[in-house]
C-alpha atoms as a PDB file:
ATOM      1  CA  MET A   1       0.000   0.000   0.000  1.00  0.00           C
ATOM      2  CA  GLY A   2       1.372   3.397  -0.998  1.00  0.00           C
ATOM      3  CA  ALA A   3       2.308   5.936   1.605  1.00  0.00           C
ATOM      4  CA  THR A   4       0.328   8.737  -0.078  1.00  0.00           C
ATOM      5  CA  VAL A   5      -3.439   8.900   0.336  1.00  0.00           C
ATOM      6  CA  ASN A   6      -5.313  11.087  -2.178  1.00  0.00           C
ATOM      7  CA  LEU A   7      -7.871  13.650  -1.060  1.00  0.00           C
ATOM      8  CA  ALA A   8     -10.820  11.838  -2.599  1.00  0.00           C
ATOM      9  CA  ARG A   9     -10.040   8.717  -0.628  1.00  0.00           C
ATOM     10  CA  ILE A  10      -9.625  10.726   2.573  1.00  0.00           C
ATOM     11  CA  ALA A  11     -13.067  12.282   2.111  1.00  0.00           C
ATOM     12  CA  LEU A  12     -14.679   8.945   1.293  1.00  0.00           C
ATOM     13  CA  THR A  13     -13.120   6.975   4.147  1.00  0.00           C
ATOM     14  CA  LYS A  14     -13.928   9.753   6.601  1.00  0.00           C
ATOM     15  CA  SER A  15     -17.590   9.778   5.559  1.00  0.00           C
ATOM     16  CA  LEU A  16     -17.958   6.007   5.641  1.00  0.00           C
ATOM     17  CA  ALA A  17     -16.231   5.655   8.991  1.00  0.00           C
ATOM     18  CA  MET A  18     -18.335   8.374  10.605  1.00  0.00           C
ATOM     19  CA  LEU A  19     -21.425   6.425   9.554  1.00  0.00           C
ATOM     20  CA  ALA A  20     -19.992   3.145  10.818  1.00  0.00           C
ATOM     21  CA  LEU A  21     -19.289   4.239  14.403  1.00  0.00           C
ATOM     22  CA  PRO A  22     -22.016   5.562  16.723  1.00  0.00           C
ATOM     23  CA  ALA A  23     -21.208   9.081  17.899  1.00  0.00           C
ATOM     24  CA  SER A  24     -22.379   8.134  21.388  1.00  0.00           C
ATOM     25  CA  ALA A  25     -19.338   5.942  22.133  1.00  0.00           C
ATOM     26  CA  ALA A  26     -17.751   7.270  25.324  1.00  0.00           C
ATOM     27  CA  THR A  27     -15.596   6.347  28.304  1.00  0.00           C
ATOM     28  CA  TYR A  28     -17.070   6.509  31.802  1.00  0.00           C
ATOM     29  CA  THR A  29     -14.938   6.575  34.959  1.00  0.00           C
ATOM     30  CA  PHE A  30     -16.016   5.835  38.531  1.00  0.00           C
ATOM     31  CA  VAL A  31     -13.573   6.450  41.401  1.00  0.00           C
ATOM     32  CA  VAL A  32     -14.235   5.446  45.015  1.00  0.00           C
ATOM     33  CA  ALA A  33     -11.967   6.211  47.996  1.00  0.00           C
ATOM     34  CA  GLY A  34     -13.086   4.164  50.990  1.00  0.00           C
ATOM     35  CA  LEU A  35     -12.240   4.249  54.668  1.00  0.00           C
ATOM     36  CA  GLY A  36      -8.786   5.381  55.732  1.00  0.00           C
ATOM     37  CA  GLY A  37      -8.923   4.265  59.357  1.00  0.00           C
ATOM     38  CA  GLU A  38      -6.649   7.164  60.318  1.00  0.00           C
ATOM     39  CA  PRO A  39      -6.767  10.850  59.252  1.00  0.00           C
ATOM     40  CA  GLU A  40      -3.445  10.487  57.419  1.00  0.00           C
ATOM     41  CA  TYR A  41      -4.686   7.602  55.280  1.00  0.00           C
ATOM     42  CA  GLU A  42      -8.040   9.302  54.765  1.00  0.00           C
ATOM     43  CA  GLN A  43      -6.338  12.361  53.279  1.00  0.00           C
ATOM     44  CA  ARG A  44      -4.042  10.266  51.127  1.00  0.00           C
ATOM     45  CA  PHE A  45      -6.953   8.372  49.659  1.00  0.00           C
ATOM     46  CA  ARG A  46      -8.778  11.623  48.911  1.00  0.00           C
ATOM     47  CA  ASP A  47      -5.676  13.026  47.208  1.00  0.00           C
ATOM     48  CA  TYR A  48      -5.196   9.915  45.069  1.00  0.00           C
ATOM     49  CA  ALA A  49      -8.864   9.962  44.093  1.00  0.00           C
ATOM     50  CA  ALA A  50      -8.668  13.652  43.157  1.00  0.00           C
ATOM     51  CA  THR A  51      -5.638  13.072  40.927  1.00  0.00           C
ATOM     52  CA  ILE A  52      -7.197  10.080  39.178  1.00  0.00           C
ATOM     53  CA  THR A  53     -10.506  11.904  38.731  1.00  0.00           C
ATOM     54  CA  SER A  54      -8.804  14.955  37.228  1.00  0.00           C
ATOM     55  CA  ALA A  55      -6.840  12.762  34.822  1.00  0.00           C
ATOM     56  CA  ALA A  56     -10.025  10.979  33.740  1.00  0.00           C
ATOM     57  CA  GLU A  57     -11.765  14.298  33.068  1.00  0.00           C
ATOM     58  CA  LYS A  58      -8.877  15.496  30.942  1.00  0.00           C
ATOM     59  CA  ALA A  59      -8.689  12.185  29.096  1.00  0.00           C
ATOM     60  CA  ALA A  60     -12.385  12.363  28.254  1.00  0.00           C
ATOM     61  CA  GLY A  61     -12.367  16.107  27.614  1.00  0.00           C
ATOM     62  CA  SER A  62     -15.450  16.309  29.838  1.00  0.00           C
ATOM     63  CA  ARG A  63     -16.512  16.134  33.489  1.00  0.00           C
ATOM     64  CA  GLU A  64     -19.923  14.664  32.688  1.00  0.00           C
ATOM     65  CA  ASN A  65     -18.838  11.032  32.474  1.00  0.00           C
ATOM     66  CA  VAL A  66     -16.612  10.986  35.570  1.00  0.00           C
ATOM     67  CA  VAL A  67     -17.973  10.282  39.074  1.00  0.00           C
ATOM     68  CA  SER A  68     -15.972  10.279  42.314  1.00  0.00           C
ATOM     69  CA  LEU A  69     -17.038   9.317  45.836  1.00  0.00           C
ATOM     70  CA  THR A  70     -14.804   9.950  48.849  1.00  0.00           C
ATOM     71  CA  GLY A  71     -15.043  10.120  52.618  1.00  0.00           C
ATOM     72  CA  ASP A  72     -18.485   9.819  54.169  1.00  0.00           C
ATOM     73  CA  ASP A  73     -20.083  10.088  50.712  1.00  0.00           C
ATOM     74  CA  ALA A  74     -18.496   6.775  49.738  1.00  0.00           C
ATOM     75  CA  ARG A  75     -21.134   4.567  51.331  1.00  0.00           C
ATOM     76  CA  ALA A  76     -22.371   1.281  49.905  1.00  0.00           C
ATOM     77  CA  VAL A  77     -25.764   2.737  49.007  1.00  0.00           C
ATOM     78  CA  ALA A  78     -24.084   5.569  47.087  1.00  0.00           C
ATOM     79  CA  VAL A  79     -21.739   3.183  45.257  1.00  0.00           C
ATOM     80  CA  ARG A  80     -24.699   1.042  44.177  1.00  0.00           C
ATOM     81  CA  ARG A  81     -26.669   4.106  43.104  1.00  0.00           C
ATOM     82  CA  GLU A  82     -23.870   5.663  41.062  1.00  0.00           C
ATOM     83  CA  ILE A  83     -22.963   2.425  39.283  1.00  0.00           C
ATOM     84  CA  LYS A  84     -26.595   1.858  38.359  1.00  0.00           C
ATOM     85  CA  THR A  85     -26.894   5.458  37.160  1.00  0.00           C
ATOM     86  CA  LEU A  86     -23.817   5.086  34.975  1.00  0.00           C
ATOM     87  CA  ALA A  87     -25.164   1.786  33.668  1.00  0.00           C
ATOM     88  CA  SER A  88     -28.385   3.503  32.594  1.00  0.00           C
ATOM     89  CA  ARG A  89     -26.381   5.951  30.461  1.00  0.00           C
ATOM     90  CA  MET A  90     -24.037   3.459  28.783  1.00  0.00           C
ATOM     91  CA  THR A  91     -24.265   1.585  25.530  1.00  0.00           C
ATOM     92  CA  PRO A  92     -22.340  -1.561  24.534  1.00  0.00           C
ATOM     93  CA  ASN A  93     -20.053   0.640  22.405  1.00  0.00           C
ATOM     94  CA  ASP A  94     -18.819   2.516  25.486  1.00  0.00           C
ATOM     95  CA  SER A  95     -15.998   1.675  27.863  1.00  0.00           C
ATOM     96  CA  VAL A  96     -15.876   2.026  31.636  1.00  0.00           C
ATOM     97  CA  VAL A  97     -13.075   2.381  34.195  1.00  0.00           C
ATOM     98  CA  VAL A  98     -13.670   1.701  37.908  1.00  0.00           C
ATOM     99  CA  VAL A  99     -11.012   2.579  40.504  1.00  0.00           C
ATOM    100  CA  LEU A 100     -11.238   1.436  44.127  1.00  0.00           C
ATOM    101  CA  ILE A 101      -8.861   3.047  46.644  1.00  0.00           C
ATOM    102  CA  GLY A 102      -8.575   2.316  50.354  1.00  0.00           C
ATOM    103  CA  HIS A 103      -8.502  -0.759  52.576  1.00  0.00           C
ATOM    104  CA  GLY A 104      -9.815  -4.212  51.822  1.00  0.00           C
ATOM    105  CA  SER A 105     -10.119  -7.371  53.880  1.00  0.00           C
ATOM    106  CA  TYR A 106     -10.478 -11.082  53.202  1.00  0.00           C
ATOM    107  CA  ASP A 107     -11.929 -13.698  55.557  1.00  0.00           C
ATOM    108  CA  GLY A 108     -11.071 -16.737  53.466  1.00  0.00           C
ATOM    109  CA  ASP A 109     -14.380 -16.660  51.599  1.00  0.00           C
ATOM    110  CA  ASN A 110     -15.166 -13.068  50.730  1.00  0.00           C
ATOM    111  CA  TYR A 111     -13.216  -9.940  49.911  1.00  0.00           C
ATOM    112  CA  ARG A 112     -14.685  -6.750  51.400  1.00  0.00           C
ATOM    113  CA  PHE A 113     -14.080  -3.160  50.354  1.00  0.00           C
ATOM    114  CA  ASN A 114     -14.111  -1.129  53.565  1.00  0.00           C
ATOM    115  CA  LEU A 115     -16.623   1.754  53.459  1.00  0.00           C
ATOM    116  CA  PRO A 116     -18.360   3.979  56.011  1.00  0.00           C
ATOM    117  CA  GLY A 117     -21.208   1.796  57.235  1.00  0.00           C
ATOM    118  CA  PRO A 118     -21.660  -1.640  55.622  1.00  0.00           C
ATOM    119  CA  ASP A 119     -18.842  -2.878  53.385  1.00  0.00           C
ATOM    120  CA  LEU A 120     -19.311  -4.150  49.843  1.00  0.00           C
ATOM    121  CA  THR A 121     -18.229  -7.711  49.032  1.00  0.00           C
ATOM    122  CA  ASP A 122     -16.552  -8.995  45.913  1.00  0.00           C
ATOM    123  CA  THR A 123     -19.729 -10.916  45.066  1.00  0.00           C
ATOM    124  CA  GLU A 124     -21.886  -7.797  45.138  1.00  0.00           C
ATOM    125  CA  PHE A 125     -19.347  -5.842  43.129  1.00  0.00           C
ATOM    126  CA  ALA A 126     -19.367  -8.635  40.547  1.00  0.00           C
ATOM    127  CA  ARG A 127     -23.139  -8.251  40.171  1.00  0.00           C
ATOM    128  CA  LEU A 128     -22.824  -4.479  39.847  1.00  0.00           C
ATOM    129  CA  PHE A 129     -20.040  -4.724  37.271  1.00  0.00           C
ATOM    130  CA  ASP A 130     -22.074  -7.231  35.259  1.00  0.00           C
ATOM    131  CA  GLU A 131     -24.894  -4.674  35.074  1.00  0.00           C
ATOM    132  CA  LEU A 132     -22.618  -2.257  33.202  1.00  0.00           C
ATOM    133  CA  PRO A 133     -23.428  -2.622  29.491  1.00  0.00           C
ATOM    134  CA  ALA A 134     -20.090  -1.193  28.316  1.00  0.00           C
ATOM    135  CA  ARG A 135     -18.290  -3.871  26.329  1.00  0.00           C
ATOM    136  CA  ASP A 136     -14.807  -2.788  27.430  1.00  0.00           C
ATOM    137  CA  GLN A 137     -14.311  -2.675  31.196  1.00  0.00           C
ATOM    138  CA  LEU A 138     -11.277  -1.898  33.337  1.00  0.00           C
ATOM    139  CA  ILE A 139     -11.429  -2.502  37.097  1.00  0.00           C
ATOM    140  CA  ILE A 140      -8.547  -1.263  39.278  1.00  0.00           C
ATOM    141  CA  ASN A 141      -8.660  -2.398  42.900  1.00  0.00           C
ATOM    142  CA  ALA A 142      -5.774  -0.737  44.737  1.00  0.00           C
ATOM    143  CA  THR A 143      -6.667  -1.993  48.221  1.00  0.00           C
ATOM    144  CA  SER A 144      -5.107  -4.525  50.559  1.00  0.00           C
ATOM    145  CA  ALA A 145      -6.245  -8.144  49.969  1.00  0.00           C
ATOM    146  CA  SER A 146      -7.549  -7.048  46.557  1.00  0.00           C
ATOM    147  CA  GLY A 147      -6.152 -10.103  44.763  1.00  0.00           C
ATOM    148  CA  ALA A 148      -8.869 -12.194  46.407  1.00  0.00           C
ATOM    149  CA  ALA A 149     -11.469 -10.599  44.109  1.00  0.00           C
ATOM    150  CA  ILE A 150      -9.857 -11.370  40.757  1.00  0.00           C
ATOM    151  CA  GLU A 151     -11.446 -14.740  40.041  1.00  0.00           C
ATOM    152  CA  ARG A 152     -14.966 -13.457  40.756  1.00  0.00           C
ATOM    153  CA  TRP A 153     -14.492 -10.355  38.646  1.00  0.00           C
ATOM    154  CA  GLN A 154     -12.875 -11.888  35.568  1.00  0.00           C
ATOM    155  CA  LYS A 155     -14.962 -11.753  32.396  1.00  0.00           C
ATOM    156  CA  PRO A 156     -14.317 -11.516  28.633  1.00  0.00           C
ATOM    157  CA  ARG A 157     -13.411  -7.958  27.544  1.00  0.00           C
ATOM    158  CA  ARG A 158     -12.772  -6.996  31.178  1.00  0.00           C
ATOM    159  CA  VAL A 159      -9.294  -6.181  32.509  1.00  0.00           C
ATOM    160  CA  VAL A 160      -8.866  -6.533  36.273  1.00  0.00           C
ATOM    161  CA  ILE A 161      -5.873  -4.988  38.051  1.00  0.00           C
ATOM    162  CA  THR A 162      -5.237  -5.534  41.758  1.00  0.00           C
ATOM    163  CA  ALA A 163      -2.598  -4.231  44.140  1.00  0.00           C
ATOM    164  CA  THR A 164      -2.028  -7.672  45.657  1.00  0.00           C
ATOM    165  CA  LYS A 165      -1.672 -11.145  44.183  1.00  0.00           C
ATOM    166  CA  ASN A 166      -4.152 -12.723  46.604  1.00  0.00           C
ATOM    167  CA  GLY A 167      -6.214 -12.189  49.741  1.00  0.00           C
ATOM    168  CA  GLY A 168      -3.298 -13.031  51.996  1.00  0.00           C
ATOM    169  CA  GLU A 169      -1.451  -9.771  51.297  1.00  0.00           C
ATOM    170  CA  ARG A 170      -3.343  -7.688  53.829  1.00  0.00           C
ATOM    171  CA  THR A 171      -0.932  -4.867  54.643  1.00  0.00           C
ATOM    172  CA  ALA A 172      -1.843  -1.322  53.544  1.00  0.00           C
ATOM    173  CA  THR A 173      -0.804  -1.013  49.906  1.00  0.00           C
ATOM    174  CA  ARG A 174       1.293   1.565  48.060  1.00  0.00           C
ATOM    175  CA  PHE A 175      -0.106   0.805  44.617  1.00  0.00           C
ATOM    176  CA  ALA A 176      -2.682   3.637  44.580  1.00  0.00           C
ATOM    177  CA  GLN A 177       0.031   6.206  45.261  1.00  0.00           C
ATOM    178  CA  TYR A 178       1.982   5.205  42.166  1.00  0.00           C
ATOM    179  CA  TRP A 179      -1.118   4.675  40.045  1.00  0.00           C
ATOM    180  CA  ALA A 180      -2.110   8.272  40.792  1.00  0.00           C
ATOM    181  CA  LEU A 181       1.416   9.416  39.907  1.00  0.00           C
ATOM    182  CA  ALA A 182       1.235   7.445  36.643  1.00  0.00           C
ATOM    183  CA  VAL A 183      -1.947   9.169  35.446  1.00  0.00           C
ATOM    184  CA  GLY A 184      -1.174  12.550  37.000  1.00  0.00           C
ATOM    185  CA  SER A 185       2.230  13.132  35.376  1.00  0.00           C
ATOM    186  CA  ASP A 186       4.281  12.138  32.351  1.00  0.00           C
ATOM    187  CA  ALA A 187       6.330   9.599  34.321  1.00  0.00           C
ATOM    188  CA  ALA A 188       4.501   6.577  32.882  1.00  0.00           C
ATOM    189  CA  ASP A 189       4.310   7.823  29.273  1.00  0.00           C
ATOM    190  CA  THR A 190       7.083   5.577  27.987  1.00  0.00           C
ATOM    191  CA  ASN A 191       6.474   6.156  24.264  1.00  0.00           C
ATOM    192  CA  LYS A 192       6.058   9.936  24.743  1.00  0.00           C
ATOM    193  CA  ASP A 193       2.778  10.132  22.813  1.00  0.00           C
ATOM    194  CA  GLN A 194       1.141  12.290  25.538  1.00  0.00           C
ATOM    195  CA  VAL A 195      -1.223   9.465  26.393  1.00  0.00           C
ATOM    196  CA  VAL A 196      -1.057   7.155  29.425  1.00  0.00           C
ATOM    197  CA  THR A 197      -2.729   3.800  28.924  1.00  0.00           C
ATOM    198  CA  ALA A 198      -3.690   1.271  31.575  1.00  0.00           C
ATOM    199  CA  ALA A 199      -0.789  -0.924  30.429  1.00  0.00           C
ATOM    200  CA  GLU A 200       1.683   1.929  30.929  1.00  0.00           C
ATOM    201  CA  ALA A 201       0.202   2.908  34.299  1.00  0.00           C
ATOM    202  CA  TYR A 202       0.335  -0.694  35.517  1.00  0.00           C
ATOM    203  CA  ALA A 203       3.948  -1.177  34.417  1.00  0.00           C
ATOM    204  CA  PHE A 204       4.977   2.092  36.071  1.00  0.00           C
ATOM    205  CA  ALA A 205       3.123   1.466  39.345  1.00  0.00           C
ATOM    206  CA  THR A 206       4.466  -2.072  39.734  1.00  0.00           C
ATOM    207  CA  ARG A 207       8.035  -0.899  39.088  1.00  0.00           C
ATOM    208  CA  GLN A 208       7.689   1.885  41.640  1.00  0.00           C
ATOM    209  CA  VAL A 209       6.242  -0.395  44.302  1.00  0.00           C
ATOM    210  CA  GLU A 210       9.084  -2.864  43.788  1.00  0.00           C
ATOM    211  CA  SER A 211      11.684  -0.071  43.916  1.00  0.00           C
ATOM    212  CA  ALA A 212      10.186   1.368  47.106  1.00  0.00           C
ATOM    213  CA  PHE A 213      10.529  -1.917  48.969  1.00  0.00           C
ATOM    214  CA  LYS A 214      14.048  -2.456  47.643  1.00  0.00           C
ATOM    215  CA  SER A 215      15.164   1.018  48.691  1.00  0.00           C
ATOM    216  CA  GLU A 216      13.951   0.277  52.216  1.00  0.00           C
ATOM    217  CA  THR A 217      15.600  -3.177  52.127  1.00  0.00           C
ATOM    218  CA  SER A 218      12.313  -4.632  53.321  1.00  0.00           C
ATOM    219  CA  MET A 219      10.285  -7.619  52.162  1.00  0.00           C
ATOM    220  CA  ALA A 220       7.573  -6.690  49.669  1.00  0.00           C
ATOM    221  CA  THR A 221       4.106  -7.108  51.164  1.00  0.00           C
ATOM    222  CA  GLU A 222       2.227  -6.547  47.897  1.00  0.00           C
ATOM    223  CA  HIS A 223       2.549  -7.917  44.377  1.00  0.00           C
ATOM    224  CA  ALA A 224       0.195  -6.445  41.795  1.00  0.00           C
ATOM    225  CA  ARG A 225      -1.690  -8.571  39.262  1.00  0.00           C
ATOM    226  CA  LEU A 226      -3.226  -7.848  35.887  1.00  0.00           C
ATOM    227  CA  GLU A 227      -5.725 -10.258  34.349  1.00  0.00           C
ATOM    228  CA  GLY A 228      -7.325  -9.721  30.952  1.00  0.00           C
ATOM    229  CA  ASP A 229      -6.213  -8.831  27.448  1.00  0.00           C
ATOM    230  CA  ASP A 230      -4.875  -5.605  25.950  1.00  0.00           C
ATOM    231  CA  ALA A 231      -4.849  -3.151  28.845  1.00  0.00           C
ATOM    232  CA  GLY A 232      -3.302  -0.719  26.387  1.00  0.00           C
ATOM    233  CA  ARG A 233      -6.696  -0.081  24.808  1.00  0.00           C
ATOM    234  CA  PHE A 234      -7.770   1.999  27.820  1.00  0.00           C
ATOM    235  CA  THR A 235      -6.645   5.645  27.748  1.00  0.00           C
ATOM    236  CA  LEU A 236      -6.424   6.941  31.321  1.00  0.00           C
ATOM    237  CA  ALA A 237      -4.672  10.287  30.883  1.00  0.00           C
ATOM    238  CA  ARG A 238      -3.756  12.839  28.258  1.00  0.00           C
ATOM    239  CA  LEU A 239      -0.821  15.146  28.749  1.00  0.00           C
ATOM    240  CA  GLY A 240       0.192  18.575  27.533  1.00  0.00           C
ATOM    241  CA  THR A 241      -2.008  20.053  24.824  1.00  0.00           C
ATOM    242  CA  ALA A 242      -3.920  16.769  24.604  1.00  0.00           C
ATOM    243  CA  ALA A 243      -5.328  17.350  28.101  1.00  0.00           C
ATOM    244  CA  LEU A 244      -8.378  19.534  27.708  1.00  0.00           C
ATOM    245  CA  VAL A 245     -11.560  20.008  29.716  1.00  0.00           C
ATOM    246  CA  PRO A 246     -13.024  22.785  27.567  1.00  0.00           C
ATOM    247  CA  ASP A 247     -15.736  25.295  28.279  1.00  0.00           C
ATOM    248  CA  ASN A 248     -16.408  25.442  24.543  1.00  0.00           C
ATOM    249  CA  PRO A 249     -19.225  22.931  23.805  1.00  0.00           C
ATOM    250  CA  GLU A 250     -17.998  22.514  20.228  1.00  0.00           C
ATOM    251  CA  VAL A 251     -14.574  21.382  21.437  1.00  0.00           C
ATOM    252  CA  ALA A 252     -16.175  19.114  24.051  1.00  0.00           C
ATOM    253  CA  ALA A 253     -18.213  17.432  21.318  1.00  0.00           C
ATOM    254  CA  LEU A 254     -15.110  16.942  19.174  1.00  0.00           C
ATOM    255  CA  LEU A 255     -13.196  15.440  22.096  1.00  0.00           C
ATOM    256  CA  SER A 256     -16.029  12.986  22.620  1.00  0.00           C
ATOM    257  CA  GLN A 257     -15.742  12.020  18.951  1.00  0.00           C
ATOM    258  CA  ARG A 258     -11.992  11.542  19.415  1.00  0.00           C
ATOM    259  CA  GLY A 259     -12.603   9.030  22.179  1.00  0.00           C
ATOM    260  CA  ALA A 260     -15.043   7.186  19.926  1.00  0.00           C
ATOM    261  CA  ILE A 261     -12.526   7.011  17.086  1.00  0.00           C
ATOM    262  CA  GLU A 262      -9.844   5.731  19.457  1.00  0.00           C
ATOM    263  CA  LEU A 263     -12.195   2.948  20.517  1.00  0.00           C
ATOM    264  CA  ASP A 264     -12.684   2.129  16.840  1.00  0.00           C
ATOM    265  CA  LEU A 265      -8.907   2.067  16.361  1.00  0.00           C
ATOM    266  CA  ASN A 266      -8.590  -0.476  19.159  1.00  0.00           C
ATOM    267  CA  ARG A 267     -11.250  -2.645  17.550  1.00  0.00           C
ATOM    268  CA  VAL A 268      -9.432  -2.627  14.234  1.00  0.00           C
ATOM    269  CA  LYS A 269      -6.206  -3.662  15.965  1.00  0.00           C
ATOM    270  CA  GLU A 270      -8.031  -6.530  17.677  1.00  0.00           C
ATOM    271  CA  GLN A 271      -9.004  -7.926  14.263  1.00  0.00           C
ATOM    272  CA  LYS A 272      -5.457  -8.042  12.906  1.00  0.00           C
ATOM    273  CA  THR A 273      -5.166 -11.826  13.044  1.00  0.00           C
ATOM    274  CA  SER A 274      -8.563 -12.388  11.389  1.00  0.00           C
ATOM    275  CA  LEU A 275      -8.059  -9.996   8.436  1.00  0.00           C
ATOM    276  CA  SER A 276      -5.838 -10.226   5.420  1.00  0.00           C
ATOM    277  CA  GLU A 277      -2.839  -7.891   5.484  1.00  0.00           C
ATOM    278  CA  ASN A 278      -4.421  -5.548   2.918  1.00  0.00           C
ATOM    279  CA  GLN A 279      -7.772  -5.485   4.748  1.00  0.00           C
ATOM    280  CA  TYR A 280      -6.095  -4.759   8.067  1.00  0.00           C
ATOM    281  CA  TYR A 281      -3.953  -1.892   6.791  1.00  0.00           C
ATOM    282  CA  ASP A 282      -6.824  -0.428   4.760  1.00  0.00           C
ATOM    283  CA  GLN A 283      -9.040  -0.304   7.858  1.00  0.00           C
ATOM    284  CA  LEU A 284      -6.206   0.955  10.043  1.00  0.00           C
ATOM    285  CA  GLU A 285      -5.415   3.722   7.570  1.00  0.00           C
ATOM    286  CA  GLU A 286      -9.058   4.728   7.432  1.00  0.00           C
ATOM    287  CA  VAL A 287      -9.280   5.219  11.202  1.00  0.00           C
ATOM    288  CA  LEU A 288      -5.921   6.971  11.458  1.00  0.00           C
ATOM    289  CA  VAL A 289      -6.937   9.436   8.741  1.00  0.00           C
ATOM    290  CA  ARG A 290     -10.152  10.194  10.623  1.00  0.00           C
ATOM    291  CA  LEU A 291      -8.226  10.668  13.844  1.00  0.00           C
ATOM    292  CA  ALA A 292      -5.711  13.027  12.240  1.00  0.00           C
ATOM    293  CA  LEU A 293      -8.429  15.132  10.608  1.00  0.00           C
ATOM    294  CA  LEU A 294     -10.404  15.351  13.837  1.00  0.00           C
ATOM    295  CA  GLN A 295      -7.331  16.292  15.881  1.00  0.00           C
ATOM    296  CA  LYS A 296      -6.611  19.089  13.422  1.00  0.00           C
ATOM    297  CA  GLU A 297     -10.141  20.399  13.912  1.00  0.00           C
ATOM    298  CA  ILE A 298      -9.790  20.142  17.711  1.00  0.00           C
ATOM    299  CA  ASP A 299      -6.552  22.113  17.581  1.00  0.00           C
ATOM    300  CA  GLN A 300      -8.142  24.810  15.420  1.00  0.00           C
ATOM    301  CA  LYS A 301     -11.251  25.149  17.591  1.00  0.00           C
ATOM    302  CA  SER A 302      -9.172  25.194  20.785  1.00  0.00           C
ATOM    303  CA  ALA A 303      -7.027  27.987  19.356  1.00  0.00           C
ATOM    304  CA  GLY A 304     -10.097  29.914  18.238  1.00  0.00           C
ATOM    305  CA  VAL A 305      -9.333  29.391  14.553  1.00  0.00           C
ATOM    306  CA  GLY A 306     -12.221  28.771  12.188  1.00  0.00           C
ATOM    307  CA  THR A 307     -12.254  25.540  10.210  1.00  0.00           C
ATOM    308  CA  PRO A 308     -11.595  26.217   6.512  1.00  0.00           C
END
């Protein structure tokens, strides 16, 4: 396939692709910071949640699809309500990211996420997650004993990340601290594309946890796990000029379209093994052209320049 794409083909592929992908495709993020036990931990959890929430808003280019519960607001009834509300807004074309920060416990049968009032168990979370219609789901559980929940939460198209490898690692975890750093700075952006994916954030956080224990010459009390395929398809943060939460509704709409096109790009990549080489690169080129044209329009609108 030639490197040069003529203008007629650009116009045609853009039009066809815009018809092929629903404009409603979006990413939803739900962040919960549970009990801290002590004021110091409580504040840390709030800070981590704030950083992750801000990154999600910038990644989406909107605050509308991001929900955060912390402190006394993070009660089981509120968690159930907000997940059900998000579920009512989603379509199968959407993606969802859930982040749990705080303390967890495991009694040999059930994992529990510690909240003000009654806790939530891994079994109830599994039911709530299964109610989310979004096809692509990412669950990050950064609590102690979080590894105990993996088997009950695993599902096709769902990536589950936990701070510990099992329910026996019950010491307060450091994973959330480095996860927040990964999405709140450029430290995890290894390919320097101004985007931090879940795969990059996980690699960064696990390295930092390991380094922290080594620097203290102490035995590691947590070992993170990732189960599921292609964590790189989830965009968690945008950096630099790519990080926008605009007041301009036109730009907000364009940023929503960008997220939809990126989801389409991931779906094309997933089909690589089932398509012929020509089919794969034709479809990949089509989406990349759309993405480039849209980004140009976003840049122009953000700078206050009219589209020619």
